[in-house]
């Protein structure tokens, strides 16, 4: 079975109604998936940061919670939208030719909306305390140090994402474990420096709702540069992108489902 056939086969098993998911009129499901997934991610990430700032949970708990959330989101709806949950992931997949550029703006808007809704939810529960879990350079660290840390951390994160989404690796469970594990490990050692955002949407929600934009540029410029570096590393490691498995992982399966089981083709 070809890589594309394997991707279609997995999609068939996952959804069972290919005609419905192949209908372009239902592509709103991609965007809803990104809104919901980013909402859950930022709820755990910003909420954990807020509660850690109040001294109610440990730093370890605050950084592991969003990692486990990402793992769960990839598993339960990655096949719908690709579970990007992060503007720089969408950009990186597009640079690798695994995701169409015309979808990037709407994906980014969906991710920013999900992040904002999560922080409005937190605002309603806790009030505007602890910057609503905003990512900021840690005490004793300058913005440029956090910027460099975000470049390195995001480069590593995108390398894991692009690697597990390629035909060289299994996708699905392996990708979820790899991405979730990386986010947890990065947070456990680097959170005191930059807050380990690696995601402009994750940082956008708290900045917008709390009104603290003091270091937001760090969490846009750093992850963007890190994603470009990761794409370059992926090109060196695996050549140009665009293989069928990577496209299915990046885009979900709404465009890849067929009316006849692919193993019969």
Protein backbone atom coordinates (compact mmCIF):
# COMPACT_ATOMS: atom_id res chain seq x y z
CA UNK A 1 0.00 0.00 0.00
CA UNK A 2 1.30 3.45 -0.89
CA UNK A 3 1.76 6.19 1.71
CA UNK A 4 -1.32 7.97 0.34
CA UNK A 5 -3.32 4.76 0.42
CA UNK A 6 -2.27 4.17 4.02
CA UNK A 7 -3.36 7.70 4.97
CA UNK A 8 -6.75 7.16 3.31
CA UNK A 9 -7.14 3.79 4.96
CA UNK A 10 -6.55 5.28 8.41
CA UNK A 11 -9.03 8.04 7.61
CA UNK A 12 -11.63 5.48 6.55
CA UNK A 13 -11.23 3.63 9.84
CA UNK A 14 -11.44 6.84 11.84
CA UNK A 15 -14.55 8.42 10.35
CA UNK A 16 -16.59 5.92 8.36
CA UNK A 17 -18.45 8.58 6.31
CA UNK A 18 -16.01 9.74 3.65
CA UNK A 19 -18.55 11.52 1.48
CA UNK A 20 -19.51 13.80 4.37
CA UNK A 21 -15.96 14.67 5.31
CA UNK A 22 -14.91 15.15 1.68
CA UNK A 23 -17.65 17.77 1.23
CA UNK A 24 -15.90 21.16 1.00
CA UNK A 25 -19.00 22.82 2.46
CA UNK A 26 -18.13 21.15 5.76
CA UNK A 27 -14.59 22.50 5.90
CA UNK A 28 -15.71 24.68 8.82
CA UNK A 29 -14.97 21.58 10.89
CA UNK A 30 -11.25 22.24 10.43
CA UNK A 31 -11.62 25.72 11.89
CA UNK A 32 -13.86 24.59 14.72
CA UNK A 33 -11.29 21.92 15.53
CA UNK A 34 -8.55 24.55 15.73
CA UNK A 35 -10.67 26.86 17.90
CA UNK A 36 -11.59 24.05 20.29
CA UNK A 37 -8.11 22.54 20.41
CA UNK A 38 -6.39 25.88 21.02
CA UNK A 39 -8.99 26.76 23.65
CA UNK A 40 -8.16 23.58 25.56
CA UNK A 41 -4.41 24.11 25.17
CA UNK A 42 -4.45 27.72 26.39
CA UNK A 43 -6.91 26.89 29.15
CA UNK A 44 -4.37 24.42 30.55
CA UNK A 45 -1.27 26.49 29.78
CA UNK A 46 -2.46 29.92 30.92
CA UNK A 47 -4.58 28.45 33.70
CA UNK A 48 -1.63 26.47 34.98
CA UNK A 49 0.59 29.54 34.82
CA UNK A 50 -2.00 31.58 36.71
CA UNK A 51 -2.40 28.99 39.47
CA UNK A 52 1.36 28.54 39.76
CA UNK A 53 1.72 32.30 40.12
CA UNK A 54 -0.80 32.16 42.98
CA UNK A 55 1.25 29.38 44.60
CA UNK A 56 -1.52 26.80 44.31
CA UNK A 57 0.23 24.30 42.01
CA UNK A 58 3.86 23.46 41.31
CA UNK A 59 5.84 24.58 38.28
CA UNK A 60 6.05 20.97 37.16
CA UNK A 61 2.27 20.67 37.18
CA UNK A 62 1.91 23.95 35.31
CA UNK A 63 4.16 22.83 32.43
CA UNK A 64 3.05 19.19 32.22
CA UNK A 65 -0.68 20.03 32.06
CA UNK A 66 -0.55 21.72 28.61
CA UNK A 67 1.74 18.98 27.32
CA UNK A 68 -0.80 16.31 28.23
CA UNK A 69 -3.56 18.47 26.77
CA UNK A 70 -1.75 18.67 23.42
CA UNK A 71 -1.24 14.91 23.46
CA UNK A 72 -4.95 14.35 24.02
CA UNK A 73 -6.03 16.91 21.40
CA UNK A 74 -3.81 15.36 18.71
CA UNK A 75 -5.27 11.95 19.45
CA UNK A 76 -8.93 12.94 19.49
CA UNK A 77 -9.12 15.40 16.59
CA UNK A 78 -5.80 15.55 14.80
CA UNK A 79 -7.37 13.76 11.84
CA UNK A 80 -9.87 16.59 11.36
CA UNK A 81 -7.59 19.63 11.12
CA UNK A 82 -4.09 18.35 11.79
CA UNK A 83 -4.31 19.80 15.33
CA UNK A 84 -1.89 22.64 14.63
CA UNK A 85 -3.02 24.75 17.65
CA UNK A 86 -0.16 27.12 16.88
CA UNK A 87 0.35 29.68 14.07
CA UNK A 88 3.99 28.74 13.55
CA UNK A 89 3.02 25.08 13.07
CA UNK A 90 0.67 26.12 10.26
CA UNK A 91 3.41 28.25 8.71
CA UNK A 92 5.99 25.46 8.99
CA UNK A 93 3.70 22.89 7.37
CA UNK A 94 3.00 25.37 4.55
CA UNK A 95 6.72 26.00 4.04
CA UNK A 96 7.19 22.23 3.78
CA UNK A 97 4.42 22.05 1.11
CA UNK A 98 2.40 19.79 3.42
CA UNK A 99 -0.36 22.37 3.94
CA UNK A 100 -1.91 24.91 1.53
CA UNK A 101 -0.96 28.54 2.13
CA UNK A 102 -4.50 29.74 1.46
CA UNK A 103 -5.65 27.98 4.65
CA UNK A 104 -3.00 29.53 6.90
CA UNK A 105 -4.75 32.89 7.61
CA UNK A 106 -8.02 31.24 8.69
CA UNK A 107 -6.14 28.69 10.81
CA UNK A 108 -4.26 31.48 12.56
CA UNK A 109 -7.47 33.42 13.20
CA UNK A 110 -9.10 30.28 14.60
CA UNK A 111 -6.13 29.68 16.90
CA UNK A 112 -6.14 33.29 18.15
CA UNK A 113 -9.88 33.07 18.77
CA UNK A 114 -9.53 29.84 20.74
CA UNK A 115 -6.77 31.37 22.86
CA UNK A 116 -8.80 34.51 23.53
CA UNK A 117 -11.89 32.54 24.54
CA UNK A 118 -9.82 30.48 26.97
CA UNK A 119 -8.46 33.60 28.65
CA UNK A 120 -11.89 35.22 28.81
CA UNK A 121 -13.03 32.06 30.58
CA UNK A 122 -10.13 32.35 33.04
CA UNK A 123 -10.89 36.04 33.53
CA UNK A 124 -14.46 35.18 34.44
CA UNK A 125 -13.34 32.67 37.06
CA UNK A 126 -10.26 34.29 38.61
CA UNK A 127 -10.35 37.93 37.58
CA UNK A 128 -7.36 39.72 36.06
CA UNK A 129 -4.69 38.22 38.33
CA UNK A 130 -1.16 36.96 37.62
CA UNK A 131 -1.37 38.42 34.08
CA UNK A 132 -3.82 35.58 33.34
CA UNK A 133 -0.90 33.21 32.96
CA UNK A 134 0.88 35.32 30.35
CA UNK A 135 4.28 34.20 29.14
CA UNK A 136 6.88 36.70 30.29
CA UNK A 137 10.66 36.60 30.77
CA UNK A 138 11.36 35.13 34.19
CA UNK A 139 12.72 37.13 37.12
CA UNK A 140 16.35 38.00 36.51
CA UNK A 141 16.15 37.39 32.75
CA UNK A 142 16.01 39.95 29.96
CA UNK A 143 13.71 39.90 26.92
CA UNK A 144 16.61 39.05 24.60
CA UNK A 145 17.41 35.97 26.70
CA UNK A 146 13.80 34.82 26.54
CA UNK A 147 13.83 35.53 22.78
CA UNK A 148 16.83 33.27 22.20
CA UNK A 149 15.30 30.58 24.38
CA UNK A 150 12.04 30.69 22.41
CA UNK A 151 13.96 30.33 19.13
CA UNK A 152 15.74 27.22 20.36
CA UNK A 153 12.72 25.64 22.04
CA UNK A 154 10.41 26.25 19.08
CA UNK A 155 13.03 24.91 16.69
CA UNK A 156 13.06 21.70 18.67
CA UNK A 157 9.27 21.51 18.91
CA UNK A 158 8.77 22.02 15.17
CA UNK A 159 11.48 19.47 14.42
CA UNK A 160 9.54 16.90 16.44
CA UNK A 161 6.25 17.85 14.77
CA UNK A 162 7.62 17.81 11.23
CA UNK A 163 9.52 14.59 11.87
CA UNK A 164 6.64 12.61 13.30
CA UNK A 165 4.32 13.90 10.57
CA UNK A 166 6.57 12.67 7.76
CA UNK A 167 6.49 9.40 5.90
CA UNK A 168 9.71 8.49 7.70
CA UNK A 169 7.80 8.04 10.97
CA UNK A 170 4.45 6.81 12.20
CA UNK A 171 1.82 9.47 12.78
CA UNK A 172 -1.03 9.54 15.28
CA UNK A 173 -0.01 7.98 18.59
CA UNK A 174 3.72 8.38 17.99
CA UNK A 175 3.30 12.01 16.97
CA UNK A 176 1.10 12.77 19.98
CA UNK A 177 3.58 11.21 22.39
CA UNK A 178 6.54 12.92 20.77
CA UNK A 179 4.98 16.39 20.75
CA UNK A 180 3.46 16.10 24.23
CA UNK A 181 6.68 14.71 25.65
CA UNK A 182 8.77 17.48 24.12
CA UNK A 183 6.50 20.23 25.47
CA UNK A 184 6.70 18.75 28.97
CA UNK A 185 10.47 18.38 28.89
CA UNK A 186 11.02 21.88 27.50
CA UNK A 187 8.81 23.35 30.21
CA UNK A 188 10.45 21.43 33.04
CA UNK A 189 13.85 22.98 32.41
CA UNK A 190 13.23 26.23 30.50
CA UNK A 191 10.00 27.66 31.95
CA UNK A 192 11.86 29.89 34.44
CA UNK A 193 13.58 31.68 31.53
CA UNK A 194 10.80 32.40 29.03
CA UNK A 195 7.66 30.58 30.17
CA UNK A 196 8.15 28.14 27.25
CA UNK A 197 5.39 29.48 25.04
CA UNK A 198 6.66 28.30 21.63
CA UNK A 199 3.28 29.49 20.39
CA UNK A 200 2.19 33.06 19.48
CA UNK A 201 -1.47 32.13 20.01
CA UNK A 202 -0.81 30.80 23.52
CA UNK A 203 0.83 34.14 24.38
CA UNK A 204 -1.74 36.24 22.50
CA UNK A 205 -4.74 35.26 24.61
CA UNK A 206 -3.38 36.34 27.99
CA UNK A 207 -1.76 39.47 26.51
CA UNK A 208 -5.02 40.60 24.93
CA UNK A 209 -7.33 39.86 27.85
CA UNK A 210 -4.97 41.02 30.62
CA UNK A 211 -3.70 44.01 28.62
CA UNK A 212 -0.03 43.17 29.21
CA UNK A 213 1.83 43.37 25.87
CA UNK A 214 5.18 44.23 27.45
CA UNK A 215 7.13 41.31 25.96
CA UNK A 216 4.75 39.90 23.39
CA UNK A 217 7.21 40.47 20.54
CA UNK A 218 9.43 37.80 22.11
CA UNK A 219 6.70 35.20 21.69
CA UNK A 220 6.02 36.08 18.06
CA UNK A 221 9.50 36.68 16.68
CA UNK A 222 11.16 33.85 18.62
CA UNK A 223 8.76 31.07 17.56
CA UNK A 224 8.64 32.31 13.95
CA UNK A 225 12.41 32.25 13.63
CA UNK A 226 12.56 28.88 15.38
CA UNK A 227 10.01 27.44 12.94
CA UNK A 228 12.04 28.60 9.94
CA UNK A 229 15.14 26.96 11.41
CA UNK A 230 13.18 23.74 11.96
CA UNK A 231 12.00 23.72 8.34
CA UNK A 232 15.61 24.09 7.23
CA UNK A 233 16.65 21.20 9.45
CA UNK A 234 13.81 19.07 8.06
CA UNK A 235 15.00 19.79 4.52
CA UNK A 236 18.52 18.66 5.44
CA UNK A 237 17.27 15.53 7.22
CA UNK A 238 14.52 14.43 4.84
CA UNK A 239 14.65 16.58 1.73
CA UNK A 240 11.67 18.52 0.42
CA UNK A 241 8.25 17.91 1.92
CA UNK A 242 4.96 17.14 0.23
CA UNK A 243 4.68 13.38 0.78
CA UNK A 244 1.17 11.97 1.15
CA UNK A 245 1.49 10.96 4.80
CA UNK A 246 2.80 14.38 5.82
CA UNK A 247 -0.03 16.11 3.94
CA UNK A 248 -2.60 13.94 5.73
CA UNK A 249 -0.97 14.69 9.11
CA UNK A 250 -0.79 18.43 8.43
CA UNK A 251 -4.19 18.93 6.82
CA UNK A 252 -6.34 16.35 8.51
CA UNK A 253 -8.23 14.02 6.24
CA UNK A 254 -11.10 16.11 4.91
CA UNK A 255 -9.44 16.32 1.50
CA UNK A 256 -8.15 12.76 1.38
CA UNK A 257 -11.20 10.63 2.01
CA UNK A 258 -12.69 8.67 -0.87
CA UNK A 259 -15.96 6.90 -1.49
CA UNK A 260 -14.35 3.49 -1.96
CA UNK A 261 -12.04 1.94 0.67
CA UNK A 262 -8.53 2.79 -0.56
CA UNK A 263 -7.18 -0.71 0.03
CA UNK A 264 -9.47 -1.85 -2.80
CA UNK A 265 -7.99 0.64 -5.29
